[in-house]
Amino acid sequence: MTSHPHPAEAGGNDALFEIARATPGHTARLSDMAQRGQERRAEETEEQRNRRLAVKGQRSQHIRAEETEE
């Protein structure tokens, strides 16, 4: 499996500075995106929530299994 670096690690310190220099516009858009995600989760049924969490757990198990193979 190919390991992909975290975005902050990909470009060394330069990438960290880019993250730290987020403009107010970027921050507002990220805040809007987070709010939409919260609203979407508030509207989901218990069955949808259970399915979403089950898929998330399966992905985590798959990633852990791949990491132990290396």
C-alpha atoms as a PDB file:
ATOM      1  CA  MET A   1       0.000   0.000   0.000  1.00  0.00           C
ATOM      2  CA  THR A   2       1.264   3.455  -0.846  1.00  0.00           C
ATOM      3  CA  SER A   3       1.372   5.788   2.092  1.00  0.00           C
ATOM      4  CA  HIS A   4       0.120   9.301   1.433  1.00  0.00           C
ATOM      5  CA  PRO A   5       1.560  12.059   3.623  1.00  0.00           C
ATOM      6  CA  HIS A   6      -0.671  14.332   5.623  1.00  0.00           C
ATOM      7  CA  PRO A   7      -1.247  17.600   3.702  1.00  0.00           C
ATOM      8  CA  ALA A   8       0.760  19.491   6.319  1.00  0.00           C
ATOM      9  CA  GLU A   9       3.697  17.113   5.804  1.00  0.00           C
ATOM     10  CA  ALA A  10       3.580  17.010   2.017  1.00  0.00           C
ATOM     11  CA  GLY A  11       5.411  20.277   1.465  1.00  0.00           C
ATOM     12  CA  GLY A  12       7.344  20.501   4.685  1.00  0.00           C
ATOM     13  CA  ASN A  13       7.182  23.785   6.559  1.00  0.00           C
ATOM     14  CA  ASP A  14       5.872  25.656   3.510  1.00  0.00           C
ATOM     15  CA  ALA A  15       2.623  23.702   3.686  1.00  0.00           C
ATOM     16  CA  LEU A  16       2.278  24.527   7.380  1.00  0.00           C
ATOM     17  CA  PHE A  17       2.647  28.221   6.620  1.00  0.00           C
ATOM     18  CA  GLU A  18      -0.007  27.956   3.904  1.00  0.00           C
ATOM     19  CA  ILE A  19      -2.405  26.362   6.387  1.00  0.00           C
ATOM     20  CA  ALA A  20      -1.624  29.004   9.012  1.00  0.00           C
ATOM     21  CA  ARG A  21      -2.240  31.827   6.518  1.00  0.00           C
ATOM     22  CA  ALA A  22      -5.868  30.936   5.816  1.00  0.00           C
ATOM     23  CA  THR A  23      -7.725  34.080   4.836  1.00  0.00           C
ATOM     24  CA  PRO A  24     -10.944  35.168   6.518  1.00  0.00           C
ATOM     25  CA  GLY A  25     -12.781  34.087   3.351  1.00  0.00           C
ATOM     26  CA  HIS A  26     -11.348  30.573   3.627  1.00  0.00           C
ATOM     27  CA  THR A  27     -12.252  30.423   7.296  1.00  0.00           C
ATOM     28  CA  ALA A  28     -15.827  31.532   6.569  1.00  0.00           C
ATOM     29  CA  ARG A  29     -16.232  28.909   3.826  1.00  0.00           C
ATOM     30  CA  LEU A  30     -14.897  26.178   6.108  1.00  0.00           C
ATOM     31  CA  SER A  31     -17.286  27.315   8.833  1.00  0.00           C
ATOM     32  CA  ASP A  32     -20.207  27.190   6.371  1.00  0.00           C
ATOM     33  CA  MET A  33     -19.195  23.693   5.268  1.00  0.00           C
ATOM     34  CA  ALA A  34     -19.003  22.510   8.880  1.00  0.00           C
ATOM     35  CA  GLN A  35     -22.417  23.978   9.629  1.00  0.00           C
ATOM     36  CA  ARG A  36     -23.975  22.262   6.591  1.00  0.00           C
ATOM     37  CA  GLY A  37     -22.467  18.960   7.737  1.00  0.00           C
ATOM     38  CA  GLN A  38     -23.947  19.423  11.200  1.00  0.00           C
ATOM     39  CA  GLU A  39     -27.359  20.241   9.722  1.00  0.00           C
ATOM     40  CA  ARG A  40     -27.208  17.183   7.470  1.00  0.00           C
ATOM     41  CA  ARG A  41     -26.363  14.959  10.444  1.00  0.00           C
ATOM     42  CA  ALA A  42     -29.164  16.499  12.522  1.00  0.00           C
ATOM     43  CA  GLU A  43     -31.669  15.550   9.799  1.00  0.00           C
ATOM     44  CA  GLU A  44     -30.521  11.953   9.351  1.00  0.00           C
ATOM     45  CA  THR A  45     -32.559   9.115  10.803  1.00  0.00           C
ATOM     46  CA  GLU A  46     -31.173   6.747  13.406  1.00  0.00           C
ATOM     47  CA  GLU A  47     -30.886   4.050  10.726  1.00  0.00           C
ATOM     48  CA  GLN A  48     -28.888   6.383   8.457  1.00  0.00           C
ATOM     49  CA  ARG A  49     -26.640   7.350  11.368  1.00  0.00           C
ATOM     50  CA  ASN A  50     -26.021   3.707  12.267  1.00  0.00           C
ATOM     51  CA  ARG A  51     -25.176   2.891   8.643  1.00  0.00           C
ATOM     52  CA  ARG A  52     -22.791   5.888   8.390  1.00  0.00           C
ATOM     53  CA  LEU A  53     -21.014   4.923  11.595  1.00  0.00           C
ATOM     54  CA  ALA A  54     -20.787   1.255  10.547  1.00  0.00           C
ATOM     55  CA  VAL A  55     -19.156   2.233   7.242  1.00  0.00           C
ATOM     56  CA  LYS A  56     -16.752   4.521   9.099  1.00  0.00           C
ATOM     57  CA  GLY A  57     -15.821   1.669  11.457  1.00  0.00           C
ATOM     58  CA  GLN A  58     -15.272  -0.742   8.560  1.00  0.00           C
ATOM     59  CA  ARG A  59     -12.978   1.751   6.839  1.00  0.00           C
ATOM     60  CA  SER A  60     -10.970   2.149  10.044  1.00  0.00           C
ATOM     61  CA  GLN A  61     -10.613  -1.624  10.405  1.00  0.00           C
ATOM     62  CA  HIS A  62      -9.524  -1.927   6.767  1.00  0.00           C
ATOM     63  CA  ILE A  63      -6.894   0.789   7.190  1.00  0.00           C
ATOM     64  CA  ARG A  64      -5.587  -0.807  10.402  1.00  0.00           C
ATOM     65  CA  ALA A  65      -5.388  -4.203   8.697  1.00  0.00           C
ATOM     66  CA  GLU A  66      -3.405  -2.711   5.811  1.00  0.00           C
ATOM     67  CA  GLU A  67      -1.032  -0.971   8.215  1.00  0.00           C
ATOM     68  CA  THR A  68      -0.289  -4.218  10.048  1.00  0.00           C
ATOM     69  CA  GLU A  69       0.512  -5.957   6.729  1.00  0.00           C
ATOM     70  CA  GLU A  70       3.373  -3.540   6.030  1.00  0.00           C
END
